Amino acid sequence: MTRPPTRPHEGENRIKQRRLGRISAGIAAACLLAGAALAVADRLGAADKLLAYVGDRYGAPARDRVQEWRQLIGQDQGKPELEKLRLVNHFFNQSVFVSDLEHWGKADYWATPVEMLATNGGDCEDFTIAKYFTLKEMGVPEQRMQITYVKALKLNQAHMVLTYFSTPGADPLVLDNLIDEIKPASQRNDLLPVYSFNGEGLWLAKRRGRGERVGGSGRIGLWRDLNERMNEEGK
């Protein structure tokens, strides 16, 4: 069957509709690009403010260390999680161990990652906290990580490490400032778990695994204080 000829005004309407469609698609793409550009600009602006704050308060070497940390976060976002663990563990394990009493004049103080890097040192809690927040910012889900208090049996003292669960029931990997190698918890017989926590909860630890949940991490005063200081840094 022969198709009837198209009327002139119908052809013009179709052309206009196609043009409007292309224009709409172009506007939508431009809006998406503008939104992404604004998000990047916001992040860069916040990073610039943070670096300026660190430089003014702690000096140029401190600013350079924090800038290197920000570069680590930005450049390695797309890498596999195990590679992120390795990079972050190595980065912070190069820092100097300093006790809280010597460093801050307090028996117990949880430094922010910026404070640790700016002052170029920290204790086991500071190492662990810095690794936790860095990996979280690099896209590792919070529920896969726990800040874990243990007893270091060889040293006969309290200690803190970061544990990473690839799945909820997995043998967690241990990121520790005492050794550079990341090992499964089942191979760390020198550590006795006591309790663990993250931003989502608090657990009484067992030999392996997550243990029994006993509440929220907000019950830990030092954790609340740490998060409050982090929210104010560089503002």
Protein backbone atom coordinates (compact mmCIF):
# COMPACT_ATOMS: atom_id res chain seq x y z
CA MET A 1 0.00 0.00 0.00
CA THR A 2 1.39 3.35 -0.99
CA ARG A 3 1.91 5.80 1.89
CA PRO A 4 0.02 9.07 1.35
CA PRO A 5 2.20 12.13 0.84
CA THR A 6 3.15 14.05 3.99
CA ARG A 7 1.60 17.43 4.31
CA PRO A 8 4.14 20.28 4.38
CA HIS A 9 3.19 21.49 7.89
CA GLU A 10 3.42 17.94 9.31
CA GLY A 11 7.00 17.58 8.04
CA GLU A 12 7.94 20.91 9.54
CA ASN A 13 6.45 19.91 12.91
CA ARG A 14 8.47 16.70 12.95
CA ILE A 15 11.68 18.60 12.18
CA LYS A 16 10.91 21.06 14.99
CA GLN A 17 10.20 18.22 17.43
CA ARG A 18 13.51 16.54 16.56
CA ARG A 19 15.33 19.84 17.06
CA LEU A 20 13.60 20.42 20.39
CA GLY A 21 14.54 16.89 21.44
CA ARG A 22 18.19 17.49 20.61
CA ILE A 23 18.15 20.85 22.39
CA SER A 24 16.51 19.30 25.49
CA ALA A 25 19.07 16.50 25.54
CA GLY A 26 21.85 19.04 25.20
CA ILE A 27 20.48 21.13 28.06
CA ALA A 28 20.14 18.03 30.27
CA ALA A 29 23.73 17.00 29.52
CA ALA A 30 24.97 20.52 30.23
CA CYS A 31 23.12 20.54 33.55
CA LEU A 32 24.67 17.21 34.53
CA LEU A 33 28.12 18.45 33.61
CA ALA A 34 27.56 21.69 35.48
CA GLY A 35 26.39 19.77 38.56
CA ALA A 36 29.44 17.51 38.43
CA ALA A 37 31.70 20.53 37.96
CA LEU A 38 30.12 22.27 40.95
CA ALA A 39 30.58 19.14 43.10
CA VAL A 40 34.24 18.93 42.10
CA ALA A 41 34.66 22.65 42.74
CA ASP A 42 33.09 22.26 46.19
CA ARG A 43 35.48 19.43 47.04
CA LEU A 44 38.46 21.36 45.72
CA GLY A 45 37.37 24.44 47.61
CA ALA A 46 37.04 22.46 50.84
CA ALA A 47 40.46 20.88 50.25
CA ASP A 48 42.02 24.28 49.64
CA LYS A 49 40.49 25.62 52.86
CA LEU A 50 41.76 22.61 54.79
CA LEU A 51 45.30 22.99 53.41
CA ALA A 52 45.28 26.69 54.20
CA TYR A 53 44.11 25.94 57.75
CA VAL A 54 46.84 23.33 58.26
CA GLY A 55 49.52 25.60 56.78
CA ASP A 56 48.53 28.51 59.02
CA ARG A 57 48.28 26.43 62.18
CA TYR A 58 51.05 23.86 61.76
CA GLY A 59 53.36 25.15 59.01
CA ALA A 60 54.37 24.24 55.45
CA PRO A 61 55.75 20.69 56.11
CA ALA A 62 52.47 19.78 57.81
CA ARG A 63 50.50 21.18 54.88
CA ASP A 64 52.59 19.08 52.48
CA ARG A 65 51.88 15.89 54.44
CA VAL A 66 48.14 16.57 54.44
CA GLN A 67 48.26 17.37 50.72
CA GLU A 68 49.97 14.04 50.04
CA TRP A 69 47.20 12.32 52.01
CA ARG A 70 44.51 14.10 49.97
CA GLN A 71 46.26 13.03 46.77
CA LEU A 72 46.26 9.41 47.96
CA ILE A 73 42.51 9.59 48.49
CA GLY A 74 41.83 11.27 45.15
CA GLN A 75 44.13 9.23 42.92
CA ASP A 76 43.27 5.74 44.16
CA GLN A 77 39.46 5.84 44.33
CA GLY A 78 39.01 3.33 41.51
CA LYS A 79 41.41 0.65 42.76
CA PRO A 80 40.23 -2.69 44.23
CA GLU A 81 39.52 -2.63 47.95
CA LEU A 82 42.42 -4.91 48.87
CA GLU A 83 44.80 -2.57 47.05
CA LYS A 84 43.30 0.39 48.90
CA LEU A 85 43.92 -1.42 52.19
CA ARG A 86 47.55 -1.99 51.26
CA LEU A 87 48.16 1.59 50.13
CA VAL A 88 46.54 3.18 53.17
CA ASN A 89 48.19 0.81 55.63
CA HIS A 90 51.62 1.53 54.14
CA PHE A 91 51.01 5.29 53.99
CA PHE A 92 50.20 5.67 57.68
CA ASN A 93 52.65 3.07 58.96
CA GLN A 94 55.43 5.41 57.87
CA SER A 95 54.37 7.87 60.58
CA VAL A 96 56.16 8.10 63.92
CA PHE A 97 54.71 6.41 67.01
CA VAL A 98 54.28 8.89 69.87
CA SER A 99 52.37 8.29 73.11
CA ASP A 100 49.43 10.54 73.95
CA LEU A 101 51.13 11.80 77.10
CA GLU A 102 54.23 12.87 75.17
CA HIS A 103 52.31 14.13 72.17
CA TRP A 104 49.24 15.84 73.66
CA GLY A 105 49.97 15.99 77.37
CA LYS A 106 46.96 13.75 78.05
CA ALA A 107 46.62 10.15 79.15
CA ASP A 108 44.21 9.42 76.27
CA TYR A 109 43.47 11.52 73.20
CA TRP A 110 42.08 10.42 69.84
CA ALA A 111 43.59 12.61 67.12
CA THR A 112 41.88 13.33 63.83
CA PRO A 113 43.72 12.18 60.69
CA VAL A 114 44.63 15.81 60.00
CA GLU A 115 46.02 16.29 63.51
CA MET A 116 48.06 13.10 63.23
CA LEU A 117 49.56 14.06 59.86
CA ALA A 118 50.05 17.72 60.77
CA THR A 119 51.97 16.83 63.95
CA ASN A 120 53.71 13.91 62.21
CA GLY A 121 52.92 11.19 64.72
CA GLY A 122 50.42 9.37 66.88
CA ASP A 123 49.72 6.25 68.90
CA CYS A 124 47.98 3.04 67.84
CA GLU A 125 44.53 4.62 68.16
CA ASP A 126 45.50 7.50 65.87
CA PHE A 127 46.96 5.12 63.25
CA THR A 128 43.77 3.05 63.26
CA ILE A 129 41.36 5.99 63.17
CA ALA A 130 43.28 7.61 60.30
CA LYS A 131 43.15 4.39 58.26
CA TYR A 132 39.44 3.95 58.95
CA PHE A 133 38.40 7.43 57.82
CA THR A 134 40.77 7.41 54.84
CA LEU A 135 39.42 4.12 53.52
CA LYS A 136 35.87 5.29 54.13
CA GLU A 137 36.55 8.40 52.06
CA MET A 138 38.08 6.20 49.34
CA GLY A 139 34.79 4.34 49.03
CA VAL A 140 35.26 1.31 51.28
CA PRO A 141 31.85 0.69 52.93
CA GLU A 142 31.79 1.53 56.62
CA GLN A 143 30.08 -1.74 57.50
CA ARG A 144 33.13 -3.68 56.27
CA MET A 145 35.47 -1.99 58.75
CA GLN A 146 35.72 -2.04 62.52
CA ILE A 147 38.04 -0.21 64.88
CA THR A 148 39.04 -3.02 67.20
CA TYR A 149 40.48 -2.87 70.70
CA VAL A 150 42.72 -5.87 71.40
CA LYS A 151 45.27 -6.98 73.91
CA ALA A 152 48.71 -7.31 72.31
CA LEU A 153 49.81 -10.49 74.09
CA LYS A 154 53.54 -10.20 73.36
CA LEU A 155 53.60 -6.62 74.64
CA ASN A 156 51.08 -7.35 77.41
CA GLN A 157 49.24 -4.09 76.76
CA ALA A 158 46.10 -2.66 75.22
CA HIS A 159 46.31 -2.01 71.50
CA MET A 160 44.06 -0.89 68.62
CA VAL A 161 43.87 -2.19 65.04
CA LEU A 162 41.56 -1.84 62.05
CA THR A 163 39.75 -4.98 60.90
CA TYR A 164 38.25 -5.38 57.43
CA PHE A 165 35.49 -7.89 56.56
CA SER A 166 35.13 -8.72 52.87
CA THR A 167 31.79 -10.35 53.79
CA PRO A 168 29.90 -10.36 57.13
CA GLY A 169 31.08 -13.84 58.14
CA ALA A 170 34.62 -13.62 56.75
CA ASP A 171 37.87 -13.98 58.64
CA PRO A 172 38.75 -10.26 58.90
CA LEU A 173 42.01 -8.76 57.71
CA VAL A 174 44.01 -6.82 60.29
CA LEU A 175 45.67 -3.47 59.57
CA ASP A 176 48.19 -2.88 62.34
CA ASN A 177 50.87 -0.27 62.93
CA LEU A 178 53.04 -2.91 64.63
CA ILE A 179 53.58 -4.84 61.37
CA ASP A 180 53.34 -3.78 57.73
CA GLU A 181 51.90 -7.06 56.43
CA ILE A 182 48.11 -7.28 56.40
CA LYS A 183 47.16 -10.72 57.77
CA PRO A 184 43.86 -12.49 58.50
CA ALA A 185 42.81 -12.38 62.15
CA SER A 186 43.18 -16.16 62.31
CA GLN A 187 46.93 -15.67 61.79
CA ARG A 188 47.26 -12.99 64.48
CA ASN A 189 47.43 -15.19 67.56
CA ASP A 190 49.34 -12.40 69.27
CA LEU A 191 46.15 -10.29 69.45
CA LEU A 192 43.20 -10.96 71.76
CA PRO A 193 40.03 -9.04 70.71
CA VAL A 194 38.13 -7.12 73.37
CA TYR A 195 35.57 -4.94 71.59
CA SER A 196 35.11 -3.20 68.27
CA PHE A 197 33.08 -0.37 66.78
CA ASN A 198 32.49 1.83 63.77
CA GLY A 199 30.09 4.63 62.89
CA GLU A 200 27.19 2.16 62.90
CA GLY A 201 27.61 0.28 66.17
CA LEU A 202 29.56 -1.21 69.06
CA TRP A 203 30.36 -4.92 69.44
CA LEU A 204 31.81 -7.11 72.16
CA ALA A 205 34.46 -8.96 70.21
CA LYS A 206 34.96 -12.68 69.88
CA ARG A 207 38.02 -14.50 68.67
CA ARG A 208 37.00 -14.05 65.04
CA GLY A 209 34.08 -12.30 63.39
CA ARG A 210 31.92 -9.42 64.49
CA GLY A 211 30.92 -10.53 67.96
CA GLU A 212 27.75 -9.44 69.80
CA ARG A 213 26.33 -6.00 69.14
CA VAL A 214 25.80 -4.09 72.40
CA GLY A 215 24.78 -0.62 71.19
CA GLY A 216 25.85 2.42 69.23
CA SER A 217 29.36 3.84 69.00
CA GLY A 218 28.00 7.15 70.32
CA ARG A 219 28.38 5.61 73.78
CA ILE A 220 32.15 6.12 73.43
CA GLY A 221 32.93 9.66 74.56
CA LEU A 222 36.30 9.88 72.79
CA TRP A 223 34.62 8.82 69.52
CA ARG A 224 31.97 11.55 69.85
CA ASP A 225 34.62 14.17 70.60
CA LEU A 226 36.75 13.04 67.64
CA ASN A 227 33.85 13.31 65.19
CA GLU A 228 32.91 16.76 66.49
CA ARG A 229 36.48 18.03 65.97
CA MET A 230 36.63 16.52 62.48
CA ASN A 231 33.45 18.36 61.52
CA GLU A 232 35.02 21.67 62.56
CA GLU A 233 38.45 21.26 60.95
CA GLY A 234 39.23 23.82 58.28
CA LYS A 235 35.95 25.71 58.62
